[in-house]
Structures are given as C-alpha cells and as structure tokens.
C-alpha cells in the first residue's frame, strides 16, 4: 500500500516542494511522498478530513535507511576499524543533534507542516528536525531507491566522520593519564611501539602504555602520537576514569 497522499496539493505547496527539491538537489517522481515526509502528526490531526496520514511511517523507514548506510559507509571507509570504534562513530553520526543539524542545513523546519500546539513549541525542537530528516530519507528511498539515498548521504557522512575524529584528536588523554599516575603512584606512564605496519603513506601503529605493574593498555592509530593517545584512553577506561 502506497503512503502517497491522494489529495490535490495547492499551487503554493507545490511551489514550496519544488524549492525543497532544489535545496536537496533531488527530483521526486511522486511529489506527494515528499509532501508527506513534511506532514507532522499534529498537523494531520487538525485536518483529518484532508490528511489521512502523517510522516511517522516514513520516519520509521528512513531511520533504518540512515542506519544501514551509516554502517556501510564506516565499514568501507575504515577497513581496519574495530567493531567498538565503528559502533561509537555510527552512534554519533546518526544521533538526533547530528541529524537535526543536517535538517537545518537544508532548511527543513521551514517546510514542515505542524499543528498549532507544536508550532507554539517552536520549530527549533531537535527531535522534530531529526524525525523530519529521517522521514525525508524514507520518502527518497521509496521514490528512488537506496542508491539515491546513498549518494545524498555520503558527502555528509564524510564531513561528520572527520568532525568526530577531529573532536577525538583534541582530547589529551596522555596528560590526564600522566597527572593521575603522578598523583596516585608518583610515577610516569611509559609508552612503547609494539607494532608498526603498512606502507609509508598508510601506516598503522600499535602502542603500549604501562605504569610499573599497575596496568598495561594498548592503542592503535595512523601515527605514533595518535596511537599513544588511544593507549592512554584505553588505560583511563581500565582505571575507570573515563
């Protein structure tokens, strides 16, 4: 059963949806699917004679589309990434704040039809924005298939992955660990390279960190500094500081 709304859209709404397609660089074959993606339940309830459905089913579908494509992107872009790291990156990339930011970049809140009560709460609600983005993905999937969704999302995934990695880089786990070891044991942690493999342009380092016999942890990275930071992070987790 199709989720298309079988109503005649007013000219101003069609014009609005054309602008939305221009912003997203998409061209829907069934514009009513795109319209439905921006019909909130509160709006449909206020005009139930005309609107027999809302965007919640599309949101449900889009959530799955987003999840599988984010997982696929990380699997392919980080061939040496461990399952735990991939899961954490994926969680951040598909989080409500991250997805709501994407929705705002395309001005989605301006096209979302809300009931009076929701409008009074404001269009700035992060969950509303994230839900709308997922509904849009669900509509795009039904209209054009998974490859179109993949093409639409990959540039955003690349930007988001870099932002998450950059944020991780700014955390100085080595300093935190050093201060903890000095305070607790009056000793400094010691780092050593356990493994170095790969060609010069794509090396992978594995570094171990110890503080006498109190702990031993390891970490991996594209350079020695990054691997030391990851080893320190692992130690902090072992010590239950993180």
Protein backbone atom coordinates (compact mmCIF):
# COMPACT_ATOMS: atom_id res chain seq x y z
CA UNK A 1 0.00 0.00 0.00
CA UNK A 2 1.43 3.35 -1.03
CA UNK A 3 1.99 6.09 1.51
CA UNK A 4 1.30 8.78 -1.09
CA UNK A 5 -1.34 11.30 -0.07
CA UNK A 6 -4.16 11.13 -2.57
CA UNK A 7 -5.09 14.77 -2.49
CA UNK A 8 -4.54 17.65 -4.85
CA UNK A 9 -1.81 19.84 -3.45
CA UNK A 10 -2.39 23.60 -3.64
CA UNK A 11 -0.12 25.54 -6.04
CA UNK A 12 1.73 27.26 -3.21
CA UNK A 13 2.61 23.90 -1.65
CA UNK A 14 3.82 22.53 -4.98
CA UNK A 15 5.96 25.64 -5.40
CA UNK A 16 7.36 25.14 -1.89
CA UNK A 17 8.19 21.49 -2.61
CA UNK A 18 9.96 22.49 -5.84
CA UNK A 19 12.14 24.83 -3.79
CA UNK A 20 12.83 21.98 -1.36
CA UNK A 21 13.89 19.71 -4.21
CA UNK A 22 16.21 22.44 -5.44
CA UNK A 23 17.79 22.74 -1.98
CA UNK A 24 18.31 18.99 -1.68
CA UNK A 25 19.27 18.52 -5.35
CA UNK A 26 16.62 15.82 -5.71
CA UNK A 27 13.80 15.31 -8.22
CA UNK A 28 10.89 13.26 -6.90
CA UNK A 29 8.80 11.22 -9.31
CA UNK A 30 5.97 11.21 -6.74
CA UNK A 31 5.93 14.65 -5.16
CA UNK A 32 3.19 13.59 -2.75
CA UNK A 33 5.76 11.36 -0.99
CA UNK A 34 7.97 14.37 -0.44
CA UNK A 35 4.96 16.31 0.84
CA UNK A 36 4.03 13.50 3.24
CA UNK A 37 7.55 13.49 4.69
CA UNK A 38 6.86 17.01 5.97
CA UNK A 39 3.37 16.42 7.42
CA UNK A 40 3.67 16.13 11.19
CA UNK A 41 1.08 14.11 13.11
CA UNK A 42 -0.15 17.24 14.90
CA UNK A 43 -0.96 18.89 11.57
CA UNK A 44 -2.68 15.79 10.16
CA UNK A 45 -4.83 15.50 13.30
CA UNK A 46 -6.04 19.09 12.94
CA UNK A 47 -7.13 18.48 9.34
CA UNK A 48 -8.04 14.79 9.37
CA UNK A 49 -10.60 15.18 6.60
CA UNK A 50 -7.85 16.09 4.11
CA UNK A 51 -4.80 14.43 5.63
CA UNK A 52 -5.29 10.73 6.24
CA UNK A 53 -1.65 10.11 7.12
CA UNK A 54 1.46 11.75 8.54
CA UNK A 55 5.22 11.27 8.25
CA UNK A 56 5.72 8.74 11.07
CA UNK A 57 5.81 5.65 8.84
CA UNK A 58 8.32 7.36 6.56
CA UNK A 59 10.35 8.34 9.62
CA UNK A 60 10.41 4.68 10.70
CA UNK A 61 11.65 3.64 7.27
CA UNK A 62 14.16 6.47 7.00
CA UNK A 63 15.66 5.62 10.38
CA UNK A 64 16.57 2.17 9.04
CA UNK A 65 17.89 3.60 5.77
CA UNK A 66 20.08 6.03 7.71
CA UNK A 67 21.38 3.28 9.98
CA UNK A 68 22.34 0.79 7.27
CA UNK A 69 24.00 3.43 5.10
CA UNK A 70 25.97 4.88 8.02
CA UNK A 71 27.14 1.38 8.97
CA UNK A 72 28.07 0.60 5.36
CA UNK A 73 29.96 3.88 4.99
CA UNK A 74 32.03 3.28 8.12
CA UNK A 75 32.68 -0.36 7.20
CA UNK A 76 34.06 0.68 3.81
CA UNK A 77 35.90 3.85 4.86
CA UNK A 78 37.60 2.32 7.92
CA UNK A 79 38.70 -1.17 6.79
CA UNK A 80 40.87 -1.58 9.90
CA UNK A 81 38.33 -0.13 12.32
CA UNK A 82 37.33 -2.35 15.22
CA UNK A 83 33.64 -3.07 15.85
CA UNK A 84 33.59 -0.95 19.00
CA UNK A 85 35.02 2.10 17.25
CA UNK A 86 32.64 1.72 14.30
CA UNK A 87 29.67 1.45 16.65
CA UNK A 88 30.66 4.61 18.53
CA UNK A 89 31.20 6.59 15.34
CA UNK A 90 27.88 5.41 13.94
CA UNK A 91 26.08 6.34 17.15
CA UNK A 92 27.41 9.91 16.94
CA UNK A 93 26.76 10.25 13.22
CA UNK A 94 23.08 9.22 13.43
CA UNK A 95 22.36 10.99 16.73
CA UNK A 96 19.49 13.47 16.90
CA UNK A 97 21.77 16.53 17.19
CA UNK A 98 23.82 15.47 14.16
CA UNK A 99 20.78 14.69 12.01
CA UNK A 100 18.92 17.81 13.15
CA UNK A 101 21.94 19.86 12.05
CA UNK A 102 21.64 18.33 8.58
CA UNK A 103 17.92 19.10 8.52
CA UNK A 104 18.62 22.76 9.33
CA UNK A 105 21.29 22.95 6.63
CA UNK A 106 18.54 22.19 4.10
CA UNK A 107 16.03 24.49 5.87
CA UNK A 108 13.71 21.54 6.55
CA UNK A 109 11.94 23.24 9.50
CA UNK A 110 10.59 25.86 7.08
CA UNK A 111 8.76 23.18 5.06
CA UNK A 112 7.44 21.11 7.97
CA UNK A 113 3.67 21.34 8.50
CA UNK A 114 2.95 21.46 12.23
CA UNK A 115 -0.23 21.69 14.28
CA UNK A 116 -0.81 24.76 16.38
CA UNK A 117 0.45 23.15 19.58
CA UNK A 118 3.71 22.04 18.01
CA UNK A 119 4.19 25.41 16.34
CA UNK A 120 3.94 27.09 19.73
CA UNK A 121 6.72 24.83 21.00
CA UNK A 122 8.81 26.10 18.12
CA UNK A 123 10.45 24.58 15.06
CA UNK A 124 13.79 24.54 16.85
CA UNK A 125 12.98 21.21 18.56
CA UNK A 126 15.92 18.92 17.73
CA UNK A 127 13.84 15.75 17.73
CA UNK A 128 11.30 17.29 15.34
CA UNK A 129 14.09 18.24 12.97
CA UNK A 130 15.80 14.84 13.17
CA UNK A 131 12.49 13.00 12.68
CA UNK A 132 11.76 15.14 9.64
CA UNK A 133 15.14 14.32 8.12
CA UNK A 134 14.52 10.60 8.60
CA UNK A 135 11.08 10.92 7.02
CA UNK A 136 12.66 12.66 4.03
CA UNK A 137 15.10 9.75 3.66
CA UNK A 138 12.21 7.30 3.83
CA UNK A 139 10.41 9.19 1.07
CA UNK A 140 13.57 9.36 -1.05
CA UNK A 141 14.08 5.61 -0.61
CA UNK A 142 10.54 4.77 -1.72
CA UNK A 143 10.71 7.17 -4.65
CA UNK A 144 14.20 6.45 -5.96
CA UNK A 145 15.77 3.56 -4.08
CA UNK A 146 18.75 3.00 -1.82
CA UNK A 147 21.42 4.26 -4.23
CA UNK A 148 19.90 7.75 -4.33
CA UNK A 149 19.87 7.82 -0.53
CA UNK A 150 23.49 6.69 -0.50
CA UNK A 151 24.50 9.41 -2.98
CA UNK A 152 22.67 12.02 -0.91
CA UNK A 153 24.22 10.98 2.42
CA UNK A 154 27.84 10.10 1.64
CA UNK A 155 29.17 13.71 1.47
CA UNK A 156 27.54 14.37 4.85
CA UNK A 157 28.94 11.16 6.33
CA UNK A 158 32.44 12.13 5.20
CA UNK A 159 32.13 15.52 6.90
CA UNK A 160 30.62 14.05 10.06
CA UNK A 161 33.25 11.32 10.38
CA UNK A 162 36.05 13.88 10.12
CA UNK A 163 34.35 16.12 12.70
CA UNK A 164 34.04 13.22 15.15
CA UNK A 165 37.65 12.18 14.58
CA UNK A 166 38.87 15.78 14.97
CA UNK A 167 36.98 16.12 18.24
CA UNK A 168 38.62 12.93 19.47
CA UNK A 169 42.03 14.30 18.48
CA UNK A 170 41.60 17.37 20.66
CA UNK A 171 41.23 15.30 23.84
CA UNK A 172 44.59 14.96 25.57
CA UNK A 173 44.27 11.56 27.21
CA UNK A 174 48.03 11.35 27.77
CA UNK A 175 48.03 14.39 30.03
CA UNK A 176 45.05 13.10 32.01
CA UNK A 177 46.76 9.73 32.50
CA UNK A 178 50.09 11.31 33.41
CA UNK A 179 48.52 13.54 36.07
CA UNK A 180 46.61 10.57 37.51
CA UNK A 181 49.74 8.35 37.69
CA UNK A 182 51.84 11.07 39.29
CA UNK A 183 49.21 11.77 41.90
CA UNK A 184 48.39 8.14 42.74
CA UNK A 185 51.73 6.34 42.35
CA UNK A 186 54.31 9.14 41.96
CA UNK A 187 55.30 7.54 38.66
CA UNK A 188 55.03 8.47 34.98
CA UNK A 189 53.42 6.17 32.39
CA UNK A 190 55.79 4.71 29.79
CA UNK A 191 54.90 4.23 26.11
CA UNK A 192 56.45 1.83 23.63
CA UNK A 193 55.68 0.96 20.00
CA UNK A 194 54.59 -2.68 19.83
CA UNK A 195 53.85 -2.86 16.12
CA UNK A 196 54.31 -0.71 13.03
CA UNK A 197 52.89 -1.96 9.74
CA UNK A 198 51.74 -0.79 6.34
CA UNK A 199 53.29 1.37 3.59
CA UNK A 200 54.73 4.79 4.41
CA UNK A 201 51.61 6.62 3.21
CA UNK A 202 49.23 4.43 5.24
CA UNK A 203 50.99 3.20 8.35
CA UNK A 204 49.26 1.75 11.39
CA UNK A 205 50.91 1.96 14.81
CA UNK A 206 50.16 -0.08 17.92
CA UNK A 207 51.46 1.43 21.16
CA UNK A 208 51.52 0.02 24.67
CA UNK A 209 51.41 2.08 27.86
CA UNK A 210 52.38 0.83 31.33
CA UNK A 211 52.91 2.30 34.76
CA UNK A 212 55.04 -0.26 36.58
CA UNK A 213 52.76 -3.21 37.39
CA UNK A 214 49.57 -1.17 37.89
CA UNK A 215 48.20 -1.54 34.38
CA UNK A 216 49.10 -2.22 30.74
CA UNK A 217 46.95 -0.99 27.87
CA UNK A 218 47.36 -0.53 24.13
CA UNK A 219 46.01 1.62 21.35
CA UNK A 220 46.21 1.99 17.57
CA UNK A 221 46.49 4.95 15.25
CA UNK A 222 47.69 6.29 11.91
CA UNK A 223 50.71 7.86 13.63
CA UNK A 224 52.62 7.30 16.85
CA UNK A 225 51.06 10.28 18.63
CA UNK A 226 47.54 9.12 17.83
CA UNK A 227 48.31 5.57 18.95
CA UNK A 228 49.73 6.88 22.25
CA UNK A 229 46.56 8.90 22.83
CA UNK A 230 44.41 5.83 22.17
CA UNK A 231 46.56 3.72 24.51
CA UNK A 232 46.18 6.37 27.23
CA UNK A 233 42.43 6.42 26.61
CA UNK A 234 42.27 2.63 26.98
CA UNK A 235 44.22 2.88 30.23
CA UNK A 236 41.89 5.54 31.59
CA UNK A 237 38.93 3.31 30.81
CA UNK A 238 40.63 0.35 32.51
CA UNK A 239 41.20 2.55 35.55
CA UNK A 240 37.53 3.63 35.36
CA UNK A 241 38.45 7.29 34.98
CA UNK A 242 36.53 7.60 31.71
